[in-house]
Amino acid sequence: MTRMTEHHVGQRIRELRKVRQMTVRQLAAAAAISPGALEKYERGSRPVPPGLLIHLAKALKVGPTTLTGQPYINGAESETQAQAVIPELRRVLLTYDSPDDLVTAPRPLSVLMAETEHVSAMRRDSKYAPMGPLLPGLVTELTHVALAGDPLTAHRRDAALDLDQREAFRQLAICYRAINSLSHKLGYHDLSLTAVERVQWAADLSGDDLMQATAGYLKAGAMVRMGSLSSARRLLTGLMEEVERSAPEHSLTDAHMAVIGGMLLKLAILEARDGQEARAHECLAEARSYARFLGRDTLHYETSFGPSNIKIHEVAMLIDSGDTEQALARIREWGGDQDREEWEPPADLAKERSSHHYIDVATARLAQGDRDGAYRDLLRARAAAPTHTRFHPTARTTAATLVRLDRQSDDSLAGYARWAGVGLTVKD
């Protein structure tokens, strides 16, 4: 029989609850859930939703990663090169305003911009292993171009930067965002937070208002993950007002609408996790109005926004609110527009977005008792973006829960769990 051998999220919750000398009822009350639900989470018979994980971590006075066990180092990850670049990324983030010397002059800015676009495309498709090794050298070259031999420029936002320097800072913001994404997805959240600060630094010096707003959007996302919901709400609300004011003659361009739309979707998830369902639906409705103006899925300022991403966020919002039945009903309803039983993200959508959607839907199916369906969606998530799925804590916990509930010792399911890095052993 295949059984779990590793610490799962529920075990960590139970152990920390005992360390804090809290009863099941006390912790359940602090997280606004029933004692019975908490017992199921602690046993590992139900995966903990991301929003609830934040509240449990706060009640236990730890960070969310303490409960998820990130970063994951258990053998499976060593098969990839995704984590090998982490020390180099720490170095370039530390030397952001005084980069290491180059043996030769940096390549032309046009060449560096083309490589940045390549990196950005890999980020959207969660191709972290080939993307990671490109970042340290690319960031170093761009920094030399941006500073133009004068490190003091990094501390002077009013410096007279030429157009190439401004563009180099803009490209740096994109690269730092890629570092943030890689670090966050692999579970190095301290590195991710530093990368967010570097995105803001580079964006400010680029002189691009929308790039600066995008940097703030990333910071708000980090706040949401850490449970600082009121701070993130204030930041997002202020940013949307700034973007509207920055529009030429108060006429929003497609880029302005896409950036605001992305912020509204982030705000919808925030409100759902804060138990403000009415506000969440208001944000979603407003985002939907911007998507109708655009009429298509877009990638302005490295952020996916459009009709498809609204559907993905609506499903995630319903799941965060605990309404998994309605979330599954939505994708069945939308499936008719594609002549399918259920809606599927378009093939040209960023692979990370598609993978995230299938991971969310897998948790909804598991909550509704559809284990086979949950496993099928985990397989879809892996097909869309393998590395993203492998390192995603919700994918891991869902796979681990399926194995725990598996009474037939399904070898394919056990194999998936091993691929995801979940510790298993075979016992008679």
Protein backbone atom coordinates (compact mmCIF):
# COMPACT_ATOMS: atom_id res chain seq x y z
CA MET A 1 0.00 0.00 0.00
CA THR A 2 1.26 3.50 -0.86
CA ARG A 3 1.27 5.85 2.12
CA MET A 4 2.42 9.34 2.93
CA THR A 5 5.73 9.69 4.76
CA GLU A 6 6.28 13.47 4.75
CA HIS A 7 4.93 16.27 6.89
CA HIS A 8 1.87 17.70 5.22
CA VAL A 9 0.26 21.09 5.81
CA GLY A 10 -2.31 19.70 8.23
CA GLN A 11 0.38 18.09 10.38
CA ARG A 12 2.26 21.37 10.57
CA ILE A 13 -0.94 23.17 11.58
CA ARG A 14 -1.64 20.62 14.31
CA GLU A 15 1.91 20.71 15.68
CA LEU A 16 2.02 24.52 15.76
CA ARG A 17 -1.43 24.62 17.36
CA LYS A 18 -0.13 22.44 20.17
CA VAL A 19 3.03 24.53 20.50
CA ARG A 20 0.82 27.61 20.85
CA GLN A 21 -1.28 25.68 23.41
CA MET A 22 -4.46 26.22 21.41
CA THR A 23 -7.38 23.82 21.24
CA VAL A 24 -9.04 22.88 17.96
CA ARG A 25 -11.98 25.11 18.89
CA GLN A 26 -9.74 28.09 19.67
CA LEU A 27 -7.82 27.89 16.39
CA ALA A 28 -11.00 27.24 14.40
CA ALA A 29 -12.61 30.32 15.96
CA ALA A 30 -9.55 32.46 15.19
CA ALA A 31 -9.69 31.36 11.54
CA ALA A 32 -13.52 31.62 11.34
CA ILE A 33 -14.08 27.97 10.40
CA SER A 34 -15.79 25.06 12.13
CA PRO A 35 -13.83 22.73 14.44
CA GLY A 36 -14.85 19.82 12.23
CA ALA A 37 -13.36 21.47 9.15
CA LEU A 38 -10.11 22.18 10.99
CA GLU A 39 -9.86 18.53 12.09
CA LYS A 40 -10.20 17.45 8.45
CA TYR A 41 -7.43 19.85 7.43
CA GLU A 42 -5.18 18.61 10.22
CA ARG A 43 -5.76 14.98 9.22
CA GLY A 44 -4.91 15.81 5.63
CA SER A 45 -8.24 14.57 4.28
CA ARG A 46 -8.95 17.99 2.78
CA PRO A 47 -6.44 20.46 1.25
CA VAL A 48 -6.26 23.89 2.91
CA PRO A 49 -7.42 26.69 0.55
CA PRO A 50 -4.83 29.48 0.00
CA GLY A 51 -7.01 32.14 1.60
CA LEU A 52 -7.65 30.05 4.71
CA LEU A 53 -3.95 29.17 4.93
CA ILE A 54 -3.19 32.88 5.40
CA HIS A 55 -5.69 33.18 8.25
CA LEU A 56 -4.41 30.02 9.96
CA ALA A 57 -0.81 31.22 9.66
CA LYS A 58 -1.76 34.57 11.19
CA ALA A 59 -3.61 32.89 14.06
CA LEU A 60 -0.57 30.65 14.70
CA LYS A 61 1.78 33.65 14.44
CA VAL A 62 3.89 32.22 11.61
CA GLY A 63 4.37 32.98 7.93
CA PRO A 64 2.37 31.00 5.34
CA THR A 65 5.54 29.28 4.10
CA THR A 66 6.05 27.76 7.55
CA LEU A 67 2.82 25.84 6.97
CA THR A 68 3.51 24.93 3.33
CA GLY A 69 7.12 23.90 4.04
CA GLN A 70 8.61 26.01 1.24
CA PRO A 71 11.07 26.09 -0.37
CA TYR A 72 10.77 22.43 -1.30
CA ILE A 73 14.07 20.55 -1.21
CA ASN A 74 13.35 16.85 -1.28
CA GLY A 75 15.15 15.31 -4.21
CA ALA A 76 12.59 15.79 -6.97
CA GLU A 77 13.56 19.42 -7.49
CA SER A 78 17.25 18.61 -7.82
CA GLU A 79 16.45 17.02 -11.17
CA THR A 80 15.91 20.48 -12.64
CA GLN A 81 18.15 23.52 -12.94
CA ALA A 82 15.47 25.84 -11.62
CA GLN A 83 16.97 26.16 -8.14
CA ALA A 84 20.66 26.11 -9.13
CA VAL A 85 20.57 29.77 -10.10
CA ILE A 86 19.22 31.03 -6.73
CA PRO A 87 22.67 32.03 -5.31
CA GLU A 88 23.45 34.02 -8.47
CA LEU A 89 20.09 35.77 -8.30
CA ARG A 90 20.77 36.75 -4.69
CA ARG A 91 24.07 38.27 -5.85
CA VAL A 92 22.59 40.39 -8.63
CA LEU A 93 19.79 41.63 -6.37
CA LEU A 94 22.34 42.64 -3.76
CA THR A 95 24.58 44.47 -6.26
CA TYR A 96 21.69 46.16 -8.07
CA ASP A 97 23.21 49.67 -7.86
CA SER A 98 26.86 48.63 -8.12
CA PRO A 99 27.06 45.67 -10.50
CA ASP A 100 30.06 43.44 -10.95
CA ASP A 101 32.54 44.51 -13.62
CA LEU A 102 32.10 43.14 -17.11
CA VAL A 103 34.96 41.48 -19.01
CA THR A 104 33.62 42.96 -22.26
CA ALA A 105 31.29 45.85 -23.00
CA PRO A 106 27.56 45.13 -22.66
CA ARG A 107 25.76 44.09 -25.82
CA PRO A 108 23.69 46.70 -27.69
CA LEU A 109 20.47 47.66 -25.94
CA SER A 110 18.38 46.33 -28.85
CA VAL A 111 19.93 42.88 -28.33
CA LEU A 112 19.35 43.02 -24.58
CA MET A 113 15.72 44.04 -25.18
CA ALA A 114 15.19 41.03 -27.45
CA GLU A 115 16.60 38.73 -24.77
CA THR A 116 14.37 40.38 -22.16
CA GLU A 117 11.33 39.66 -24.32
CA HIS A 118 12.47 36.03 -24.56
CA VAL A 119 12.81 35.87 -20.77
CA SER A 120 9.37 37.43 -20.34
CA ALA A 121 7.77 34.85 -22.63
CA MET A 122 9.41 32.04 -20.66
CA ARG A 123 8.16 33.58 -17.41
CA ARG A 124 4.58 33.60 -18.67
CA ASP A 125 4.88 29.94 -19.63
CA SER A 126 6.62 28.99 -16.35
CA LYS A 127 9.79 27.79 -18.11
CA TYR A 128 11.90 28.58 -15.06
CA ALA A 129 14.71 26.09 -15.70
CA PRO A 130 15.85 27.61 -19.04
CA MET A 131 14.93 31.14 -17.92
CA GLY A 132 16.89 31.24 -14.67
CA PRO A 133 20.46 30.99 -16.04
CA LEU A 134 19.81 33.87 -18.46
CA LEU A 135 18.85 36.35 -15.76
CA PRO A 136 22.10 37.11 -13.84
CA GLY A 137 24.11 38.06 -16.93
CA LEU A 138 21.24 39.91 -18.57
CA VAL A 139 20.51 41.94 -15.43
CA THR A 140 24.19 42.81 -15.03
CA GLU A 141 24.50 44.05 -18.62
CA LEU A 142 21.29 46.07 -18.43
CA THR A 143 22.43 47.63 -15.16
CA HIS A 144 25.68 48.81 -16.76
CA VAL A 145 23.71 50.37 -19.61
CA ALA A 146 21.20 51.96 -17.23
CA LEU A 147 23.85 53.44 -14.94
CA ALA A 148 26.08 54.43 -17.88
CA GLY A 149 29.17 54.09 -15.70
CA ASP A 150 27.78 56.29 -12.91
CA PRO A 151 26.56 54.28 -9.89
CA LEU A 152 25.32 57.50 -8.26
CA THR A 153 22.56 57.60 -10.86
CA ALA A 154 20.86 54.75 -9.02
CA HIS A 155 20.13 57.05 -6.09
CA ARG A 156 19.01 60.10 -8.09
CA ARG A 157 15.52 59.92 -9.52
CA ASP A 158 15.88 63.45 -10.84
CA ALA A 159 19.06 62.63 -12.75
CA ALA A 160 19.15 63.62 -16.43
CA LEU A 161 18.92 60.12 -17.89
CA ASP A 162 18.99 59.70 -21.64
CA LEU A 163 16.40 57.63 -23.51
CA ASP A 164 18.59 54.52 -23.65
CA GLN A 165 19.10 54.64 -19.89
CA ARG A 166 15.37 55.02 -19.28
CA GLU A 167 14.69 52.07 -21.56
CA ALA A 168 17.39 50.00 -19.84
CA PHE A 169 15.72 50.66 -16.49
CA ARG A 170 12.39 49.62 -18.00
CA GLN A 171 13.91 46.37 -19.23
CA LEU A 172 15.48 45.85 -15.81
CA ALA A 173 12.03 46.12 -14.21
CA ILE A 174 10.84 43.33 -16.51
CA CYS A 175 13.83 41.15 -15.61
CA TYR A 176 13.39 41.77 -11.89
CA ARG A 177 9.77 40.75 -12.29
CA ALA A 178 10.96 37.48 -13.80
CA ILE A 179 13.23 36.97 -10.78
CA ASN A 180 10.28 37.71 -8.51
CA SER A 181 8.13 35.15 -10.30
CA LEU A 182 10.80 32.44 -10.26
CA SER A 183 11.60 33.04 -6.59
CA HIS A 184 7.96 33.10 -5.52
CA LYS A 185 7.03 29.98 -7.45
CA LEU A 186 10.00 28.04 -6.06
CA GLY A 187 9.15 29.15 -2.52
CA TYR A 188 12.04 31.59 -1.90
CA HIS A 189 9.76 34.33 -0.62
CA ASP A 190 12.50 36.44 0.96
CA LEU A 191 14.17 36.63 -2.45
CA SER A 192 10.82 37.34 -4.09
CA LEU A 193 10.18 40.32 -1.80
CA THR A 194 13.64 41.73 -2.57
CA ALA A 195 12.94 41.35 -6.29
CA VAL A 196 9.67 43.28 -5.89
CA GLU A 197 11.65 46.15 -4.34
CA ARG A 198 14.06 46.07 -7.28
CA VAL A 199 11.16 46.18 -9.76
CA GLN A 200 9.96 49.36 -8.06
CA TRP A 201 13.45 50.87 -8.09
CA ALA A 202 13.94 50.24 -11.80
CA ALA A 203 10.39 51.24 -12.71
CA ASP A 204 10.74 54.58 -10.91
CA LEU A 205 13.92 55.36 -12.83
CA SER A 206 12.37 54.30 -16.15
CA GLY A 207 9.99 57.27 -16.00
CA ASP A 208 7.15 55.01 -17.23
CA ASP A 209 4.00 55.68 -15.19
CA LEU A 210 2.36 52.36 -16.04
CA MET A 211 5.53 50.42 -15.26
CA GLN A 212 5.61 52.13 -11.86
CA ALA A 213 1.96 51.19 -11.30
CA THR A 214 2.73 47.60 -12.31
CA ALA A 215 5.52 47.50 -9.73
CA GLY A 216 3.00 48.59 -7.10
CA TYR A 217 0.63 45.87 -8.30
CA LEU A 218 3.35 43.26 -7.68
CA LYS A 219 3.92 44.65 -4.18
CA ALA A 220 0.19 44.42 -3.48
CA GLY A 221 0.25 40.78 -4.60
CA ALA A 222 3.02 40.05 -2.13
CA MET A 223 0.97 41.76 0.59
CA VAL A 224 -2.04 39.55 -0.20
CA ARG A 225 0.10 36.41 0.03
CA MET A 226 1.39 37.54 3.43
CA GLY A 227 -2.09 38.32 4.71
CA SER A 228 -1.70 42.14 4.81
CA LEU A 229 -5.08 42.59 3.16
CA SER A 230 -5.96 46.11 4.36
CA SER A 231 -2.56 47.44 3.24
CA ALA A 232 -2.91 45.76 -0.15
CA ARG A 233 -6.43 47.16 -0.53
CA ARG A 234 -5.25 50.72 0.11
CA LEU A 235 -2.32 50.31 -2.26
CA LEU A 236 -4.40 48.91 -5.12
CA THR A 237 -7.10 51.54 -4.71
CA GLY A 238 -4.52 54.33 -4.78
CA LEU A 239 -2.74 52.84 -7.76
CA MET A 240 -5.92 52.63 -9.82
CA GLU A 241 -6.60 56.30 -9.14
CA GLU A 242 -3.05 57.18 -10.20
CA VAL A 243 -3.36 55.22 -13.44
CA GLU A 244 -6.61 57.00 -14.30
CA ARG A 245 -4.99 60.39 -13.66
CA SER A 246 -1.96 59.48 -15.79
CA ALA A 247 -4.08 58.74 -18.87
CA PRO A 248 -3.71 61.28 -21.70
CA GLU A 249 -6.55 63.82 -21.39
CA HIS A 250 -8.26 61.35 -19.04
CA SER A 251 -8.90 59.02 -21.98
CA LEU A 252 -7.85 55.50 -21.01
CA THR A 253 -5.74 53.65 -23.57
CA ASP A 254 -5.87 49.86 -23.92
CA ALA A 255 -2.77 49.63 -21.73
CA HIS A 256 -4.36 51.78 -19.02
CA MET A 257 -7.51 49.65 -19.03
CA ALA A 258 -5.52 46.41 -18.90
CA VAL A 259 -3.40 47.59 -15.96
CA ILE A 260 -6.48 48.77 -14.03
CA GLY A 261 -8.30 45.56 -14.94
CA GLY A 262 -5.49 43.44 -13.55
CA MET A 263 -5.59 45.43 -10.31
CA LEU A 264 -9.35 44.93 -10.04
CA LEU A 265 -8.91 41.16 -10.38
CA LYS A 266 -6.27 41.20 -7.64
CA LEU A 267 -8.65 43.23 -5.50
CA ALA A 268 -11.47 40.74 -6.16
CA ILE A 269 -9.35 37.87 -4.84
CA LEU A 270 -8.32 40.00 -1.85
CA GLU A 271 -11.95 40.77 -0.96
CA ALA A 272 -12.95 37.12 -1.33
CA ARG A 273 -10.19 36.06 1.06
CA ASP A 274 -11.27 38.79 3.47
CA GLY A 275 -14.84 37.49 3.50
CA GLN A 276 -16.17 40.51 1.56
CA GLU A 277 -18.06 38.64 -1.15
CA ALA A 278 -20.19 41.59 -2.28
CA ARG A 279 -17.09 43.74 -2.77
CA ALA A 280 -15.36 40.90 -4.60
CA HIS A 281 -18.23 40.63 -7.09
CA GLU A 282 -18.24 44.42 -7.56
CA CYS A 283 -14.54 44.36 -8.44
CA LEU A 284 -15.09 41.47 -10.83
CA ALA A 285 -17.98 43.27 -12.54
CA GLU A 286 -15.89 46.40 -13.00
CA ALA A 287 -12.99 44.36 -14.41
CA ARG A 288 -15.43 42.70 -16.79
CA SER A 289 -16.47 46.11 -18.15
CA TYR A 290 -12.84 46.92 -19.01
CA ALA A 291 -12.44 43.52 -20.67
CA ARG A 292 -15.48 44.21 -22.87
CA PHE A 293 -13.83 47.42 -24.08
CA LEU A 294 -10.65 45.51 -24.92
CA GLY A 295 -12.55 42.60 -26.47
CA ARG A 296 -9.62 40.19 -26.26
CA ASP A 297 -6.96 38.75 -23.98
CA THR A 298 -3.99 41.13 -23.70
CA LEU A 299 -0.45 41.21 -22.27
CA HIS A 300 0.11 44.90 -21.61
CA TYR A 301 2.94 45.48 -19.15
CA GLU A 302 3.63 41.76 -18.73
CA THR A 303 0.21 41.14 -17.15
CA SER A 304 -2.49 38.89 -18.59
CA PHE A 305 -5.87 40.58 -18.72
CA GLY A 306 -9.00 39.96 -20.72
CA PRO A 307 -12.10 37.74 -20.86
CA SER A 308 -10.19 34.49 -20.19
CA ASN A 309 -8.34 35.78 -17.15
CA ILE A 310 -11.60 37.16 -15.73
CA LYS A 311 -13.11 33.67 -15.94
CA ILE A 312 -10.06 32.19 -14.22
CA HIS A 313 -10.28 34.78 -11.43
CA GLU A 314 -14.02 34.31 -11.01
CA VAL A 315 -13.52 30.59 -10.45
CA ALA A 316 -10.66 31.27 -8.02
CA MET A 317 -12.74 33.87 -6.19
CA LEU A 318 -15.66 31.48 -5.75
CA ILE A 319 -13.32 28.77 -4.47
CA ASP A 320 -11.70 31.19 -2.01
CA SER A 321 -15.20 32.10 -0.82
CA GLY A 322 -15.92 28.40 -0.21
CA ASP A 323 -18.48 28.07 -3.00
CA THR A 324 -16.84 25.23 -4.91
CA GLU A 325 -20.17 24.00 -6.26
CA GLN A 326 -20.83 27.34 -7.96
CA ALA A 327 -17.25 27.48 -9.28
CA LEU A 328 -17.76 24.17 -11.08
CA ALA A 329 -21.18 25.28 -12.32
CA ARG A 330 -19.56 28.34 -13.92
CA ILE A 331 -17.09 26.37 -16.01
CA ARG A 332 -19.90 24.08 -17.16
CA GLU A 333 -21.97 27.12 -18.11
CA TRP A 334 -19.12 28.71 -20.07
CA GLY A 335 -18.33 25.43 -21.81
CA GLY A 336 -21.29 25.90 -24.13
CA ASP A 337 -19.54 28.81 -25.85
CA GLN A 338 -16.73 26.41 -26.80
CA ASP A 339 -19.00 23.43 -27.63
CA ARG A 340 -17.45 21.61 -24.69
CA GLU A 341 -18.86 20.20 -21.48
CA GLU A 342 -16.62 22.58 -19.53
CA TRP A 343 -14.74 25.76 -20.32
CA GLU A 344 -11.04 25.45 -21.10
CA PRO A 345 -8.51 28.32 -21.26
CA PRO A 346 -7.55 29.24 -24.85
CA ALA A 347 -4.44 27.57 -26.21
CA ASP A 348 -2.65 30.91 -26.66
CA LEU A 349 -3.19 32.05 -23.06
CA ALA A 350 -0.11 32.24 -20.82
CA LYS A 351 0.57 28.66 -19.72
CA GLU A 352 1.01 29.67 -16.09
CA ARG A 353 -2.54 31.10 -16.09
CA SER A 354 -3.95 27.87 -17.52
CA SER A 355 -2.01 25.75 -15.05
CA HIS A 356 -3.22 27.88 -12.14
CA HIS A 357 -6.81 27.45 -13.31
CA TYR A 358 -6.62 23.67 -13.45
CA ILE A 359 -5.00 23.52 -10.00
CA ASP A 360 -7.85 25.62 -8.62
CA VAL A 361 -10.48 23.46 -10.30
CA ALA A 362 -8.82 20.30 -8.96
CA THR A 363 -9.27 21.56 -5.39
CA ALA A 364 -12.92 22.40 -6.11
CA ARG A 365 -13.57 18.91 -7.47
CA LEU A 366 -11.88 17.32 -4.47
CA ALA A 367 -14.02 19.43 -2.13
CA GLN A 368 -17.09 18.09 -4.00
CA GLY A 369 -15.87 14.50 -3.64
CA ASP A 370 -14.85 14.04 -7.29
CA ARG A 371 -11.40 12.49 -6.80
CA ASP A 372 -11.05 11.21 -10.36
CA GLY A 373 -11.92 14.64 -11.72
CA ALA A 374 -9.45 16.31 -9.36
CA TYR A 375 -6.68 14.01 -10.59
CA ARG A 376 -7.56 14.71 -14.24
CA ASP A 377 -7.25 18.44 -13.62
CA LEU A 378 -3.89 18.00 -11.92
CA LEU A 379 -2.76 16.18 -15.06
CA ARG A 380 -4.05 19.08 -17.19
CA ALA A 381 -2.15 21.53 -14.98
CA ARG A 382 1.05 19.54 -15.46
CA ALA A 383 0.54 19.39 -19.23
CA ALA A 384 0.10 23.18 -19.37
CA ALA A 385 3.06 24.20 -17.18
CA PRO A 386 4.99 21.32 -15.56
CA THR A 387 7.40 23.33 -13.41
CA HIS A 388 4.71 25.70 -12.15
CA THR A 389 2.53 22.74 -11.14
CA ARG A 390 5.37 20.80 -9.56
CA PHE A 391 6.31 23.63 -7.23
CA HIS A 392 2.78 24.87 -6.49
CA PRO A 393 1.83 24.17 -2.84
CA THR A 394 -1.86 23.67 -3.67
CA ALA A 395 -1.04 21.13 -6.38
CA ARG A 396 1.18 19.26 -3.94
CA THR A 397 -1.35 19.22 -1.13
CA THR A 398 -4.15 18.18 -3.48
CA ALA A 399 -2.05 15.31 -4.85
CA ALA A 400 -1.06 14.30 -1.32
CA THR A 401 -4.69 14.32 -0.19
CA LEU A 402 -5.74 12.19 -3.15
CA VAL A 403 -3.08 9.61 -2.25
CA ARG A 404 -4.23 9.57 1.38
CA LEU A 405 -7.81 8.96 0.29
CA ASP A 406 -6.83 6.38 -2.35
CA ARG A 407 -8.11 2.96 -1.30
CA GLN A 408 -7.03 1.14 -4.45
CA SER A 409 -3.35 2.14 -4.39
CA ASP A 410 -3.48 3.69 -7.86
CA ASP A 411 0.09 3.53 -9.19
CA SER A 412 -0.46 6.39 -11.64
CA LEU A 413 -1.68 8.67 -8.85
CA ALA A 414 1.23 7.66 -6.64
CA GLY A 415 3.59 8.33 -9.53
CA TYR A 416 2.13 11.81 -9.98
CA ALA A 417 2.60 12.53 -6.27
CA ARG A 418 6.22 11.41 -6.45
CA TRP A 419 6.77 13.60 -9.52
CA ALA A 420 5.34 16.54 -7.55
CA GLY A 421 7.83 15.90 -4.77
CA VAL A 422 5.40 14.43 -2.25
CA GLY A 423 7.19 11.87 -0.07
CA LEU A 424 5.75 8.39 -0.51
CA THR A 425 6.76 4.90 0.45
CA VAL A 426 5.34 1.49 -0.36
CA LYS A 427 4.27 -0.70 2.56
CA ASP A 428 2.49 -4.03 2.70
